[in-house]
Amino acid sequence: MDRATMNERVAVTDAAATMVRQLTLQHGPLMFHQSGGCCDGSAPMCYPVGMFITGPSDVLLGAIDVGLDDPVEIYMSESQFEYWKYTHLTIDVVPGRGAGFSVEGPTGMRFLIRSRMLSEAELQYFDLR
């Protein structure tokens, strides 16, 4: 099951929300940047807030409610967003080796993105029709 409401670009599974809460206890508030790099493929990279500096070429896709006081923001580079703007992204977690600089790396788990095409209603909501 994923935590989402209508007309959001991002969601999170219950398992990933649990992992984010656990990692927040260790690292403080967190954020995600959807990687498009060659080394980490398209892994969502999870960083302590302030460790990865977003800039004017990053798009705030939204924020996920993981059961903490504040939602966790999700960013993507503007150039990558042009390719992904018709998709809804869900952050999930599975067993495996985490991406190099992402905070889940040492846990034996890794975040990944599950995607689906936006529905007709979502396309209209985001003015993509």
N, C-alpha and C. Protein backbone atom coordinates (compact mmCIF):
# COMPACT_ATOMS: atom_id res chain seq x y z
N MET A 1 0.85 -1.19 0.00
CA MET A 1 0.00 0.00 0.00
C MET A 1 0.89 1.24 0.00
N ASP A 2 0.52 2.24 -0.76
CA ASP A 2 1.31 3.46 -0.71
C ASP A 2 0.46 4.60 -0.16
N ARG A 3 1.16 5.54 0.43
CA ARG A 3 0.53 6.71 1.05
C ARG A 3 0.47 7.80 0.00
N ALA A 4 -0.73 8.02 -0.55
CA ALA A 4 -0.87 9.05 -1.57
C ALA A 4 -2.29 9.59 -1.54
N THR A 5 -2.42 10.80 -2.00
CA THR A 5 -3.73 11.36 -2.21
C THR A 5 -3.80 11.79 -3.67
N MET A 6 -5.00 12.01 -4.14
CA MET A 6 -5.19 12.36 -5.54
C MET A 6 -4.40 13.61 -5.89
N ASN A 7 -3.88 13.61 -7.08
CA ASN A 7 -3.20 14.76 -7.67
C ASN A 7 -1.89 15.14 -6.98
N GLU A 8 -1.15 14.14 -6.59
CA GLU A 8 0.22 14.34 -6.13
C GLU A 8 1.13 13.59 -7.09
N ARG A 9 2.32 14.08 -7.28
CA ARG A 9 3.28 13.44 -8.19
C ARG A 9 4.08 12.34 -7.51
N VAL A 10 4.12 12.36 -6.18
CA VAL A 10 4.94 11.39 -5.45
C VAL A 10 4.15 10.77 -4.31
N ALA A 11 4.53 9.54 -3.99
CA ALA A 11 3.94 8.82 -2.86
C ALA A 11 5.05 7.98 -2.22
N VAL A 12 4.70 7.30 -1.15
CA VAL A 12 5.67 6.46 -0.45
C VAL A 12 4.93 5.22 0.05
N THR A 13 5.61 4.08 -0.02
CA THR A 13 5.01 2.86 0.53
C THR A 13 5.15 2.89 2.05
N ASP A 14 4.35 2.08 2.72
CA ASP A 14 4.45 1.99 4.18
C ASP A 14 5.85 1.54 4.61
N ALA A 15 6.42 0.58 3.88
CA ALA A 15 7.76 0.08 4.23
C ALA A 15 8.80 1.18 4.10
N ALA A 16 8.73 1.97 3.03
CA ALA A 16 9.69 3.06 2.85
C ALA A 16 9.47 4.15 3.90
N ALA A 17 8.21 4.42 4.25
CA ALA A 17 7.93 5.43 5.29
C ALA A 17 8.55 4.99 6.62
N THR A 18 8.45 3.71 6.93
CA THR A 18 9.06 3.18 8.16
C THR A 18 10.58 3.37 8.13
N MET A 19 11.20 3.07 6.98
CA MET A 19 12.65 3.24 6.85
C MET A 19 13.04 4.70 7.00
N VAL A 20 12.28 5.62 6.42
CA VAL A 20 12.58 7.05 6.54
C VAL A 20 12.48 7.48 8.00
N ARG A 21 11.48 7.02 8.71
CA ARG A 21 11.36 7.37 10.15
C ARG A 21 12.58 6.87 10.93
N GLN A 22 13.00 5.64 10.66
CA GLN A 22 14.17 5.09 11.35
C GLN A 22 15.43 5.88 11.02
N LEU A 23 15.61 6.21 9.76
CA LEU A 23 16.79 6.97 9.35
C LEU A 23 16.77 8.39 9.90
N THR A 24 15.59 8.95 10.06
CA THR A 24 15.46 10.30 10.64
C THR A 24 15.95 10.31 12.08
N LEU A 25 15.72 9.24 12.82
CA LEU A 25 16.22 9.15 14.19
C LEU A 25 17.74 9.22 14.22
N GLN A 26 18.39 8.66 13.21
CA GLN A 26 19.86 8.66 13.14
C GLN A 26 20.43 9.95 12.56
N HIS A 27 19.78 10.47 11.52
CA HIS A 27 20.38 11.54 10.72
C HIS A 27 19.68 12.89 10.80
N GLY A 28 18.54 12.94 11.46
CA GLY A 28 17.76 14.17 11.47
C GLY A 28 16.87 14.25 10.25
N PRO A 29 16.25 15.42 10.01
CA PRO A 29 15.33 15.57 8.87
C PRO A 29 16.00 15.19 7.55
N LEU A 30 15.23 14.54 6.69
CA LEU A 30 15.75 14.02 5.43
C LEU A 30 15.02 14.62 4.24
N MET A 31 15.64 14.47 3.07
CA MET A 31 15.03 14.85 1.79
C MET A 31 15.49 13.84 0.75
N PHE A 32 14.79 13.79 -0.38
CA PHE A 32 15.17 12.91 -1.49
C PHE A 32 15.49 13.75 -2.71
N HIS A 33 16.44 13.27 -3.49
CA HIS A 33 16.68 13.80 -4.83
C HIS A 33 16.69 12.60 -5.76
N GLN A 34 15.80 12.64 -6.74
CA GLN A 34 15.71 11.54 -7.70
C GLN A 34 16.89 11.61 -8.64
N SER A 35 17.81 10.66 -8.47
CA SER A 35 19.04 10.65 -9.24
C SER A 35 18.77 10.28 -10.69
N GLY A 36 19.53 10.83 -11.56
CA GLY A 36 19.49 10.45 -12.96
C GLY A 36 20.88 10.13 -13.45
N GLY A 37 21.80 10.01 -12.50
CA GLY A 37 23.20 9.82 -12.85
C GLY A 37 23.52 8.41 -13.29
N CYS A 38 24.67 8.27 -13.89
CA CYS A 38 25.10 6.97 -14.42
C CYS A 38 25.48 6.00 -13.30
N CYS A 39 26.04 6.49 -12.22
CA CYS A 39 26.53 5.61 -11.17
C CYS A 39 25.41 4.96 -10.36
N ASP A 40 24.39 5.70 -10.07
CA ASP A 40 23.31 5.18 -9.24
C ASP A 40 22.03 4.94 -10.03
N GLY A 41 22.13 4.94 -11.35
CA GLY A 41 20.95 4.70 -12.17
C GLY A 41 19.90 5.74 -11.89
N SER A 42 18.71 5.28 -11.59
CA SER A 42 17.63 6.23 -11.28
C SER A 42 17.18 6.03 -9.84
N ALA A 43 18.12 5.80 -8.96
CA ALA A 43 17.81 5.60 -7.55
C ALA A 43 17.41 6.90 -6.88
N PRO A 44 16.39 6.86 -6.02
CA PRO A 44 16.11 8.04 -5.21
C PRO A 44 17.17 8.13 -4.11
N MET A 45 17.87 9.22 -4.08
CA MET A 45 18.94 9.42 -3.10
C MET A 45 18.38 10.16 -1.89
N CYS A 46 18.61 9.61 -0.71
CA CYS A 46 18.10 10.18 0.53
C CYS A 46 19.25 10.82 1.30
N TYR A 47 19.08 12.11 1.63
CA TYR A 47 20.13 12.87 2.29
C TYR A 47 19.58 13.60 3.51
N PRO A 48 20.42 13.85 4.51
CA PRO A 48 20.01 14.77 5.56
C PRO A 48 19.76 16.15 4.93
N VAL A 49 18.75 16.84 5.39
CA VAL A 49 18.45 18.18 4.87
C VAL A 49 19.70 19.05 5.03
N GLY A 50 20.09 19.72 3.96
CA GLY A 50 21.26 20.59 3.96
C GLY A 50 22.51 19.92 3.43
N MET A 51 22.53 18.59 3.35
CA MET A 51 23.71 17.90 2.84
C MET A 51 23.77 17.95 1.31
N PHE A 52 22.61 17.89 0.67
CA PHE A 52 22.52 18.03 -0.78
C PHE A 52 21.85 19.37 -1.04
N ILE A 53 22.54 20.23 -1.71
CA ILE A 53 22.01 21.58 -1.96
C ILE A 53 21.28 21.58 -3.31
N THR A 54 20.00 21.90 -3.26
CA THR A 54 19.23 22.02 -4.50
C THR A 54 19.46 23.40 -5.07
N GLY A 55 19.26 23.51 -6.37
CA GLY A 55 19.46 24.78 -7.03
C GLY A 55 18.30 25.13 -7.94
N PRO A 56 18.44 26.18 -8.71
CA PRO A 56 17.34 26.63 -9.58
C PRO A 56 17.00 25.62 -10.68
N SER A 57 17.88 24.67 -10.94
CA SER A 57 17.58 23.67 -11.97
C SER A 57 16.97 22.40 -11.38
N ASP A 58 16.58 22.44 -10.11
CA ASP A 58 15.89 21.31 -9.48
C ASP A 58 14.42 21.64 -9.31
N VAL A 59 13.58 20.62 -9.53
CA VAL A 59 12.14 20.75 -9.42
C VAL A 59 11.68 20.06 -8.14
N LEU A 60 10.89 20.76 -7.34
CA LEU A 60 10.27 20.15 -6.17
C LEU A 60 9.05 19.38 -6.67
N LEU A 61 9.13 18.04 -6.64
CA LEU A 61 8.03 17.21 -7.12
C LEU A 61 6.88 17.18 -6.12
N GLY A 62 7.21 17.31 -4.86
CA GLY A 62 6.21 17.25 -3.80
C GLY A 62 6.87 16.83 -2.51
N ALA A 63 6.04 16.47 -1.55
CA ALA A 63 6.53 16.03 -0.25
C ALA A 63 5.70 14.84 0.19
N ILE A 64 6.35 13.89 0.84
CA ILE A 64 5.67 12.68 1.29
C ILE A 64 5.46 12.72 2.79
N ASP A 65 4.33 12.23 3.21
CA ASP A 65 4.00 12.11 4.63
C ASP A 65 4.44 10.73 5.08
N VAL A 66 5.47 10.70 5.93
CA VAL A 66 5.98 9.43 6.44
C VAL A 66 5.63 9.22 7.90
N GLY A 67 4.78 10.08 8.44
CA GLY A 67 4.37 9.94 9.83
C GLY A 67 5.24 10.73 10.81
N LEU A 68 5.95 11.74 10.32
CA LEU A 68 6.74 12.62 11.16
C LEU A 68 6.05 13.98 11.24
N ASP A 69 6.61 14.88 12.03
CA ASP A 69 6.03 16.22 12.15
C ASP A 69 5.99 16.94 10.81
N ASP A 70 7.06 16.80 10.02
CA ASP A 70 7.15 17.49 8.74
C ASP A 70 7.24 16.49 7.60
N PRO A 71 6.66 16.83 6.46
CA PRO A 71 6.79 15.95 5.28
C PRO A 71 8.21 15.97 4.75
N VAL A 72 8.55 14.98 3.96
CA VAL A 72 9.89 14.84 3.37
C VAL A 72 9.79 15.26 1.91
N GLU A 73 10.60 16.27 1.54
CA GLU A 73 10.55 16.80 0.18
C GLU A 73 11.30 15.91 -0.80
N ILE A 74 10.77 15.88 -2.05
CA ILE A 74 11.35 15.08 -3.13
C ILE A 74 11.68 16.03 -4.29
N TYR A 75 12.92 16.00 -4.75
CA TYR A 75 13.38 16.85 -5.84
C TYR A 75 13.87 16.01 -7.02
N MET A 76 13.94 16.65 -8.18
CA MET A 76 14.48 16.04 -9.39
C MET A 76 15.05 17.16 -10.25
N SER A 77 16.10 16.86 -11.00
CA SER A 77 16.64 17.90 -11.89
C SER A 77 15.61 18.25 -12.95
N GLU A 78 15.63 19.50 -13.36
CA GLU A 78 14.67 20.00 -14.34
C GLU A 78 14.77 19.23 -15.67
N SER A 79 15.99 18.93 -16.10
CA SER A 79 16.16 18.20 -17.37
C SER A 79 15.58 16.79 -17.27
N GLN A 80 15.76 16.13 -16.14
CA GLN A 80 15.19 14.79 -15.95
C GLN A 80 13.67 14.87 -15.83
N PHE A 81 13.18 15.91 -15.19
CA PHE A 81 11.74 16.08 -15.04
C PHE A 81 11.04 16.15 -16.40
N GLU A 82 11.70 16.73 -17.39
CA GLU A 82 11.11 16.79 -18.73
C GLU A 82 10.78 15.40 -19.27
N TYR A 83 11.58 14.40 -18.91
CA TYR A 83 11.33 13.03 -19.34
C TYR A 83 10.27 12.34 -18.47
N TRP A 84 10.19 12.73 -17.20
CA TRP A 84 9.35 12.02 -16.24
C TRP A 84 8.06 12.76 -15.89
N LYS A 85 7.78 13.89 -16.51
CA LYS A 85 6.66 14.71 -16.07
C LYS A 85 5.30 14.05 -16.26
N TYR A 86 5.22 13.00 -17.04
CA TYR A 86 3.95 12.29 -17.25
C TYR A 86 3.81 11.08 -16.33
N THR A 87 4.68 10.97 -15.35
CA THR A 87 4.64 9.80 -14.46
C THR A 87 4.41 10.20 -13.00
N HIS A 88 3.82 9.26 -12.29
CA HIS A 88 3.67 9.36 -10.84
C HIS A 88 4.74 8.45 -10.25
N LEU A 89 5.44 8.93 -9.23
CA LEU A 89 6.54 8.17 -8.62
C LEU A 89 6.17 7.75 -7.21
N THR A 90 6.49 6.51 -6.87
CA THR A 90 6.31 6.02 -5.50
C THR A 90 7.66 5.53 -5.00
N ILE A 91 8.07 6.06 -3.86
CA ILE A 91 9.32 5.61 -3.24
C ILE A 91 9.02 4.35 -2.44
N ASP A 92 9.81 3.32 -2.70
CA ASP A 92 9.68 2.04 -2.01
C ASP A 92 11.06 1.66 -1.48
N VAL A 93 11.12 0.59 -0.70
CA VAL A 93 12.39 0.11 -0.18
C VAL A 93 12.40 -1.41 -0.32
N VAL A 94 13.56 -1.94 -0.72
CA VAL A 94 13.73 -3.39 -0.92
C VAL A 94 15.10 -3.79 -0.39
N PRO A 95 15.29 -5.09 -0.11
CA PRO A 95 16.63 -5.54 0.30
C PRO A 95 17.63 -5.28 -0.83
N GLY A 96 18.83 -4.89 -0.44
CA GLY A 96 19.87 -4.65 -1.43
C GLY A 96 20.82 -3.58 -0.96
N ARG A 97 21.82 -3.33 -1.76
CA ARG A 97 22.82 -2.33 -1.43
C ARG A 97 22.34 -0.96 -1.85
N GLY A 98 22.31 -0.03 -0.91
CA GLY A 98 21.87 1.33 -1.18
C GLY A 98 22.87 2.08 -2.03
N ALA A 99 22.43 3.16 -2.61
CA ALA A 99 23.28 4.01 -3.44
C ALA A 99 24.40 4.62 -2.61
N GLY A 100 25.49 4.96 -3.27
CA GLY A 100 26.71 5.42 -2.63
C GLY A 100 26.56 6.42 -1.50
N PHE A 101 25.90 7.53 -1.72
CA PHE A 101 25.83 8.58 -0.72
C PHE A 101 24.48 8.65 -0.01
N SER A 102 23.56 7.78 -0.37
CA SER A 102 22.23 7.78 0.23
C SER A 102 22.30 7.15 1.62
N VAL A 103 21.59 7.74 2.59
CA VAL A 103 21.76 7.35 3.99
C VAL A 103 21.33 5.92 4.30
N GLU A 104 20.55 5.28 3.45
CA GLU A 104 20.14 3.90 3.73
C GLU A 104 21.23 2.89 3.37
N GLY A 105 22.30 3.35 2.72
CA GLY A 105 23.37 2.47 2.24
C GLY A 105 23.82 1.39 3.21
N PRO A 106 24.13 1.72 4.45
CA PRO A 106 24.64 0.70 5.38
C PRO A 106 23.57 -0.24 5.96
N THR A 107 22.31 -0.04 5.65
CA THR A 107 21.24 -0.80 6.30
C THR A 107 20.95 -2.16 5.67
N GLY A 108 21.49 -2.41 4.48
CA GLY A 108 21.14 -3.64 3.77
C GLY A 108 19.83 -3.51 2.99
N MET A 109 19.30 -2.30 2.96
CA MET A 109 18.09 -1.99 2.20
C MET A 109 18.44 -0.86 1.23
N ARG A 110 17.59 -0.72 0.20
CA ARG A 110 17.80 0.40 -0.72
C ARG A 110 16.46 0.96 -1.16
N PHE A 111 16.43 2.26 -1.33
CA PHE A 111 15.24 2.91 -1.86
C PHE A 111 15.21 2.71 -3.37
N LEU A 112 14.02 2.60 -3.92
CA LEU A 112 13.84 2.56 -5.36
C LEU A 112 12.56 3.28 -5.73
N ILE A 113 12.44 3.59 -7.01
CA ILE A 113 11.26 4.28 -7.52
C ILE A 113 10.40 3.30 -8.30
N ARG A 114 9.12 3.33 -8.00
CA ARG A 114 8.14 2.63 -8.82
C ARG A 114 7.36 3.73 -9.52
N SER A 115 7.12 3.55 -10.80
CA SER A 115 6.46 4.61 -11.53
C SER A 115 5.27 4.06 -12.31
N ARG A 116 4.35 4.95 -12.58
CA ARG A 116 3.21 4.65 -13.43
C ARG A 116 2.88 5.92 -14.20
N MET A 117 2.21 5.75 -15.30
CA MET A 117 1.78 6.91 -16.08
C MET A 117 0.67 7.63 -15.31
N LEU A 118 0.64 8.94 -15.41
CA LEU A 118 -0.43 9.71 -14.78
C LEU A 118 -1.77 9.36 -15.42
N SER A 119 -2.82 9.35 -14.63
CA SER A 119 -4.17 9.10 -15.13
C SER A 119 -4.65 10.31 -15.93
N GLU A 120 -5.73 10.14 -16.65
CA GLU A 120 -6.30 11.26 -17.40
C GLU A 120 -6.63 12.44 -16.47
N ALA A 121 -7.22 12.14 -15.33
CA ALA A 121 -7.56 13.20 -14.37
C ALA A 121 -6.30 13.91 -13.87
N GLU A 122 -5.24 13.15 -13.61
CA GLU A 122 -3.99 13.76 -13.16
C GLU A 122 -3.35 14.60 -14.27
N LEU A 123 -3.39 14.11 -15.48
CA LEU A 123 -2.86 14.87 -16.61
C LEU A 123 -3.57 16.21 -16.73
N GLN A 124 -4.87 16.19 -16.58
CA GLN A 124 -5.63 17.45 -16.63
C GLN A 124 -5.29 18.34 -15.46
N TYR A 125 -5.19 17.76 -14.25
CA TYR A 125 -4.88 18.54 -13.06
C TYR A 125 -3.52 19.25 -13.22
N PHE A 126 -2.54 18.53 -13.75
CA PHE A 126 -1.20 19.10 -13.93
C PHE A 126 -1.06 19.86 -15.25
N ASP A 127 -2.16 20.06 -15.94
CA ASP A 127 -2.20 20.82 -17.19
C ASP A 127 -1.24 20.25 -18.23
N LEU A 128 -1.27 18.92 -18.39
CA LEU A 128 -0.41 18.26 -19.34
C LEU A 128 -1.20 17.73 -20.53
N ARG A 129 -2.43 18.12 -20.67
CA ARG A 129 -3.27 17.74 -21.81
C ARG A 129 -3.54 18.91 -22.68
